[in-house]
């Protein structure tokens, strides 16, 4: 199984107190971030300890003061972020792309905030401003879709097909949100079973073709023939069924969904 450097989580802090220690240009962005997420900034460590605050940002100019405050806050049960000191952090803050309620967080585990920022800036240019409207429209369409497709797997396949590249709700189409209601009322039935074969010659997921990456992301069942690298399997859906495949016969599609055979044949 491939490893990730951090566990990405979205922490809901609306109405909750968050400790922010320090003044000046390092601390102020953290205060704004907490307030933007609906949190209440507390700037006194003893008070934060007494009142059971769970998150702390520490941004003193003095490095030793940061270390002492981090130890005290952590001993009180807080998760701690020390600005520009990743070795002292329990969590780091990502660069955020906001398409409310869609939120994309880009992090490097403290390796380079500048890199995360510039990746976000590139994505800002290509992701439509209307993505949030699409998310809200899909949320509003849930009752209709649940009524039309009582089986959760079938409902998910219908949504996947609509959101796929070129589909009626393609997320990169800035007008997709206006079609959601009509689409939900008359959504096509789930696709019949399909099967595909992927022959992989490299263990590097960056070498996947666009088609291979898309099929991995959409597959309902993975039939694994050979020692397929974990880095490749990490690109598949986490809930996709995974089975060993001996290659003795041609793959047969299920009644619904997409079955993908993965064969790893590294090039010499």
Protein backbone atom coordinates (compact mmCIF):
# COMPACT_ATOMS: atom_id res chain seq x y z
CA UNK A 1 0.00 0.00 0.00
CA UNK A 2 1.39 3.40 -0.93
CA UNK A 3 2.03 5.82 1.91
CA UNK A 4 0.94 9.45 2.27
CA UNK A 5 2.86 11.95 4.35
CA UNK A 6 -0.19 13.38 6.14
CA UNK A 7 -3.83 12.53 6.76
CA UNK A 8 -5.87 15.25 5.03
CA UNK A 9 -8.92 16.28 7.08
CA UNK A 10 -11.41 19.13 6.95
CA UNK A 11 -11.92 20.30 10.53
CA UNK A 12 -15.18 22.12 11.28
CA UNK A 13 -14.50 24.90 13.80
CA UNK A 14 -17.51 27.20 13.39
CA UNK A 15 -18.28 28.69 16.80
CA UNK A 16 -15.30 26.97 18.44
CA UNK A 17 -12.32 28.63 20.08
CA UNK A 18 -8.89 28.35 18.48
CA UNK A 19 -5.67 29.53 20.10
CA UNK A 20 -3.50 31.90 18.03
CA UNK A 21 -0.31 33.11 19.73
CA UNK A 22 1.97 35.81 18.34
CA UNK A 23 1.78 39.15 16.56
CA UNK A 24 2.78 40.51 13.23
CA UNK A 25 2.85 39.12 9.70
CA UNK A 26 3.20 35.46 10.72
CA UNK A 27 0.26 35.36 13.11
CA UNK A 28 -2.23 37.59 11.30
CA UNK A 29 -2.90 35.18 8.39
CA UNK A 30 -3.69 32.45 10.92
CA UNK A 31 -6.19 34.71 12.68
CA UNK A 32 -7.87 35.50 9.36
CA UNK A 33 -7.98 31.81 8.45
CA UNK A 34 -9.61 30.87 11.76
CA UNK A 35 -12.17 33.67 11.46
CA UNK A 36 -12.90 32.79 7.83
CA UNK A 37 -13.78 29.26 8.95
CA UNK A 38 -16.10 30.64 11.65
CA UNK A 39 -13.77 30.04 14.58
CA UNK A 40 -13.28 32.30 17.61
CA UNK A 41 -9.68 33.45 18.12
CA UNK A 42 -8.24 33.13 21.65
CA UNK A 43 -4.83 34.69 22.28
CA UNK A 44 -4.15 33.60 25.88
CA UNK A 45 -2.59 30.18 26.51
CA UNK A 46 -3.75 29.68 30.14
CA UNK A 47 -7.31 30.59 29.17
CA UNK A 48 -7.17 28.21 26.19
CA UNK A 49 -5.99 25.39 28.48
CA UNK A 50 -8.71 26.11 31.07
CA UNK A 51 -11.44 26.20 28.41
CA UNK A 52 -10.38 23.04 26.59
CA UNK A 53 -9.33 24.56 23.27
CA UNK A 54 -8.32 21.84 20.83
CA UNK A 55 -6.36 23.67 18.10
CA UNK A 56 -3.40 26.03 18.43
CA UNK A 57 -1.44 28.18 16.00
CA UNK A 58 1.85 29.51 17.36
CA UNK A 59 3.63 32.32 15.52
CA UNK A 60 6.07 34.01 17.91
CA UNK A 61 9.13 35.66 16.38
CA UNK A 62 11.29 34.01 19.04
CA UNK A 63 12.03 30.38 18.20
CA UNK A 64 12.48 29.29 21.81
CA UNK A 65 9.17 30.86 22.81
CA UNK A 66 7.51 28.86 20.03
CA UNK A 67 9.04 25.63 21.31
CA UNK A 68 7.92 26.24 24.90
CA UNK A 69 4.39 27.25 23.87
CA UNK A 70 4.12 24.22 21.59
CA UNK A 71 5.07 21.85 24.42
CA UNK A 72 2.61 23.47 26.84
CA UNK A 73 -0.24 23.46 24.33
CA UNK A 74 0.41 19.87 23.30
CA UNK A 75 0.55 18.70 26.91
CA UNK A 76 -2.88 20.28 27.37
CA UNK A 77 -4.22 18.09 24.55
CA UNK A 78 -4.15 20.61 21.71
CA UNK A 79 -3.13 19.89 18.14
CA UNK A 80 -0.38 22.38 17.37
CA UNK A 81 0.80 24.27 14.29
CA UNK A 82 4.00 26.31 14.65
CA UNK A 83 4.47 28.68 11.71
CA UNK A 84 7.51 27.80 9.57
CA UNK A 85 8.52 24.99 11.97
CA UNK A 86 7.12 21.79 10.43
CA UNK A 87 9.13 19.64 12.85
CA UNK A 88 7.06 21.13 15.70
CA UNK A 89 3.69 20.72 13.97
CA UNK A 90 0.94 18.18 14.54
CA UNK A 91 -0.78 19.56 11.44
CA UNK A 92 0.00 21.95 8.63
CA UNK A 93 -2.29 24.38 6.82
CA UNK A 94 -2.78 23.92 3.08
CA UNK A 95 -3.16 26.42 0.31
CA UNK A 96 -6.92 26.70 -0.24
CA UNK A 97 -8.94 27.00 -3.43
CA UNK A 98 -12.47 28.00 -2.47
CA UNK A 99 -15.51 27.23 -4.60
CA UNK A 100 -17.93 27.12 -1.68
CA UNK A 101 -19.01 24.48 -0.71
CA UNK A 102 -16.32 22.79 -2.81
CA UNK A 103 -12.99 23.30 -1.08
CA UNK A 104 -9.67 22.11 -2.51
CA UNK A 105 -6.73 21.98 -0.12
CA UNK A 106 -3.19 21.64 -1.45
CA UNK A 107 -0.44 20.76 0.98
CA UNK A 108 3.19 19.73 0.94
CA UNK A 109 3.52 18.68 4.58
CA UNK A 110 5.44 21.85 5.30
CA UNK A 111 8.02 21.23 2.56
CA UNK A 112 7.15 24.30 0.50
CA UNK A 113 4.21 26.63 1.05
CA UNK A 114 5.26 28.47 -2.11
CA UNK A 115 4.86 25.35 -4.23
CA UNK A 116 1.38 24.70 -2.83
CA UNK A 117 0.42 28.31 -3.56
CA UNK A 118 1.51 28.20 -7.18
CA UNK A 119 -0.26 24.89 -7.81
CA UNK A 120 -3.39 26.53 -6.40
CA UNK A 121 -2.94 29.57 -8.64
CA UNK A 122 -2.77 27.31 -11.70
CA UNK A 123 -5.92 25.50 -10.65
CA UNK A 124 -7.68 28.82 -10.02
CA UNK A 125 -7.37 29.55 -13.74
CA UNK A 126 -8.88 26.29 -14.95
CA UNK A 127 -11.61 25.51 -12.40
CA UNK A 128 -14.86 27.38 -13.12
CA UNK A 129 -16.19 29.80 -10.53
CA UNK A 130 -19.53 27.98 -10.86
CA UNK A 131 -18.27 24.73 -9.31
CA UNK A 132 -19.86 25.71 -6.00
CA UNK A 133 -23.21 26.21 -7.73
CA UNK A 134 -22.87 22.73 -9.25
CA UNK A 135 -22.22 21.24 -5.80
CA UNK A 136 -25.28 22.98 -4.35
CA UNK A 137 -27.44 21.85 -7.26
CA UNK A 138 -26.33 18.24 -6.83
CA UNK A 139 -27.12 18.47 -3.13
CA UNK A 140 -30.61 19.74 -3.94
CA UNK A 141 -31.11 16.89 -6.43
CA UNK A 142 -30.40 14.13 -3.89
CA UNK A 143 -34.06 13.43 -2.96
CA UNK A 144 -35.04 13.04 -6.63
CA UNK A 145 -32.11 10.75 -7.38
CA UNK A 146 -32.72 8.63 -4.29
CA UNK A 147 -36.32 8.16 -5.36
CA UNK A 148 -35.39 7.24 -8.94
CA UNK A 149 -32.45 5.01 -7.98
CA UNK A 150 -33.00 3.32 -4.64
CA UNK A 151 -29.84 1.23 -5.02
CA UNK A 152 -26.86 3.28 -3.87
CA UNK A 153 -24.39 1.70 -6.30
CA UNK A 154 -26.67 2.35 -9.27
CA UNK A 155 -27.20 5.93 -8.15
CA UNK A 156 -23.46 6.49 -7.86
CA UNK A 157 -22.87 5.13 -11.36
CA UNK A 158 -25.48 7.48 -12.81
CA UNK A 159 -23.83 10.44 -11.12
CA UNK A 160 -20.36 9.29 -12.22
CA UNK A 161 -21.48 9.09 -15.82
CA UNK A 162 -22.99 12.58 -15.69
CA UNK A 163 -19.89 14.12 -14.10
CA UNK A 164 -17.42 12.39 -16.42
CA UNK A 165 -15.54 14.41 -19.01
CA UNK A 166 -18.00 15.39 -21.72
CA UNK A 167 -20.99 14.32 -19.63
CA UNK A 168 -24.06 16.50 -19.08
CA UNK A 169 -22.68 17.72 -15.74
CA UNK A 170 -18.99 17.92 -16.65
CA UNK A 171 -17.49 19.95 -13.74
CA UNK A 172 -15.31 21.91 -16.17
CA UNK A 173 -18.41 23.20 -17.98
CA UNK A 174 -19.27 26.49 -16.28
CA UNK A 175 -22.97 26.06 -17.16
CA UNK A 176 -23.34 22.50 -15.83
CA UNK A 177 -25.18 23.65 -12.70
CA UNK A 178 -28.17 24.95 -14.68
CA UNK A 179 -28.82 21.45 -16.11
CA UNK A 180 -28.82 19.50 -12.84
CA UNK A 181 -32.55 19.70 -12.09
CA UNK A 182 -33.68 18.57 -15.56
CA UNK A 183 -30.97 15.90 -15.62
CA UNK A 184 -32.04 14.51 -12.23
CA UNK A 185 -35.69 14.32 -13.26
CA UNK A 186 -34.86 12.38 -16.41
CA UNK A 187 -31.49 10.84 -15.62
CA UNK A 188 -30.65 7.90 -17.82
CA UNK A 189 -30.57 4.47 -16.17
CA UNK A 190 -27.27 3.16 -14.92
CA UNK A 191 -25.02 1.80 -17.66
CA UNK A 192 -24.90 -1.91 -18.31
CA UNK A 193 -21.84 -3.86 -17.34
CA UNK A 194 -18.59 -3.09 -19.11
CA UNK A 195 -15.14 -4.65 -19.02
CA UNK A 196 -11.76 -3.20 -19.90
CA UNK A 197 -8.17 -4.37 -19.77
CA UNK A 198 -5.19 -2.29 -18.75
CA UNK A 199 -1.68 -3.54 -19.44
CA UNK A 200 0.75 -1.55 -17.32
CA UNK A 201 4.42 -1.40 -18.22
CA UNK A 202 5.61 1.00 -15.53
CA UNK A 203 5.30 1.14 -11.73
CA UNK A 204 5.16 4.94 -11.88
CA UNK A 205 1.57 6.27 -11.74
CA UNK A 206 2.77 9.36 -13.63
CA UNK A 207 3.20 7.08 -16.67
CA UNK A 208 -0.51 6.23 -16.77
CA UNK A 209 -2.29 7.45 -19.87
CA UNK A 210 -5.34 9.67 -19.45
CA UNK A 211 -7.56 6.72 -20.42
CA UNK A 212 -5.89 4.40 -17.90
CA UNK A 213 -6.19 6.96 -15.11
CA UNK A 214 -9.87 7.54 -15.96
CA UNK A 215 -10.70 3.81 -15.99
CA UNK A 216 -8.93 3.30 -12.67
CA UNK A 217 -10.93 6.13 -11.14
CA UNK A 218 -14.24 4.77 -12.45
CA UNK A 219 -13.79 1.01 -11.95
CA UNK A 220 -16.25 -0.80 -9.68
CA UNK A 221 -14.23 -4.06 -9.73
CA UNK A 222 -10.48 -4.53 -10.18
CA UNK A 223 -9.22 -7.93 -11.31
CA UNK A 224 -5.50 -7.89 -10.52
CA UNK A 225 -3.19 -10.05 -12.64
CA UNK A 226 0.36 -9.96 -11.34
CA UNK A 227 2.12 -7.77 -8.76
CA UNK A 228 0.45 -4.47 -9.63
CA UNK A 229 2.35 -1.75 -7.70
CA UNK A 230 0.57 -0.17 -4.75
CA UNK A 231 1.21 3.31 -6.20
CA UNK A 232 -0.92 2.34 -9.20
CA UNK A 233 -3.68 0.82 -7.06
CA UNK A 234 -3.79 4.03 -5.01
CA UNK A 235 -5.18 5.77 -8.10
CA UNK A 236 -8.27 3.53 -8.07
CA UNK A 237 -11.43 4.23 -6.10
CA UNK A 238 -11.03 3.19 -2.47
CA UNK A 239 -14.39 1.35 -2.52
CA UNK A 240 -13.69 -0.64 -5.69
CA UNK A 241 -13.76 -4.41 -5.13
CA UNK A 242 -10.34 -6.02 -5.66
CA UNK A 243 -9.81 -9.62 -6.66
CA UNK A 244 -6.86 -11.69 -7.84
CA UNK A 245 -7.03 -12.66 -11.52
CA UNK A 246 -5.18 -15.63 -12.95
CA UNK A 247 -5.68 -14.59 -16.56
CA UNK A 248 -7.12 -17.99 -17.43
CA UNK A 249 -10.11 -16.52 -19.26
CA UNK A 250 -11.34 -13.29 -20.68
CA UNK A 251 -12.85 -10.94 -18.08
CA UNK A 252 -16.62 -10.88 -17.91
CA UNK A 253 -18.43 -7.67 -17.01
CA UNK A 254 -20.92 -7.71 -14.20
CA UNK A 255 -24.57 -6.86 -14.69
CA UNK A 256 -23.76 -3.21 -13.99
CA UNK A 257 -20.69 -1.11 -13.45
CA UNK A 258 -17.18 -1.30 -14.83
CA UNK A 259 -14.79 -4.21 -14.38
CA UNK A 260 -11.12 -3.50 -15.09
CA UNK A 261 -8.40 -6.12 -15.42
CA UNK A 262 -4.98 -4.81 -14.38
CA UNK A 263 -2.02 -6.66 -15.83
CA UNK A 264 1.45 -5.53 -14.80
CA UNK A 265 4.04 -6.35 -17.42
CA UNK A 266 7.06 -4.15 -16.73
CA UNK A 267 9.14 -3.31 -19.76
CA UNK A 268 12.65 -4.64 -19.86
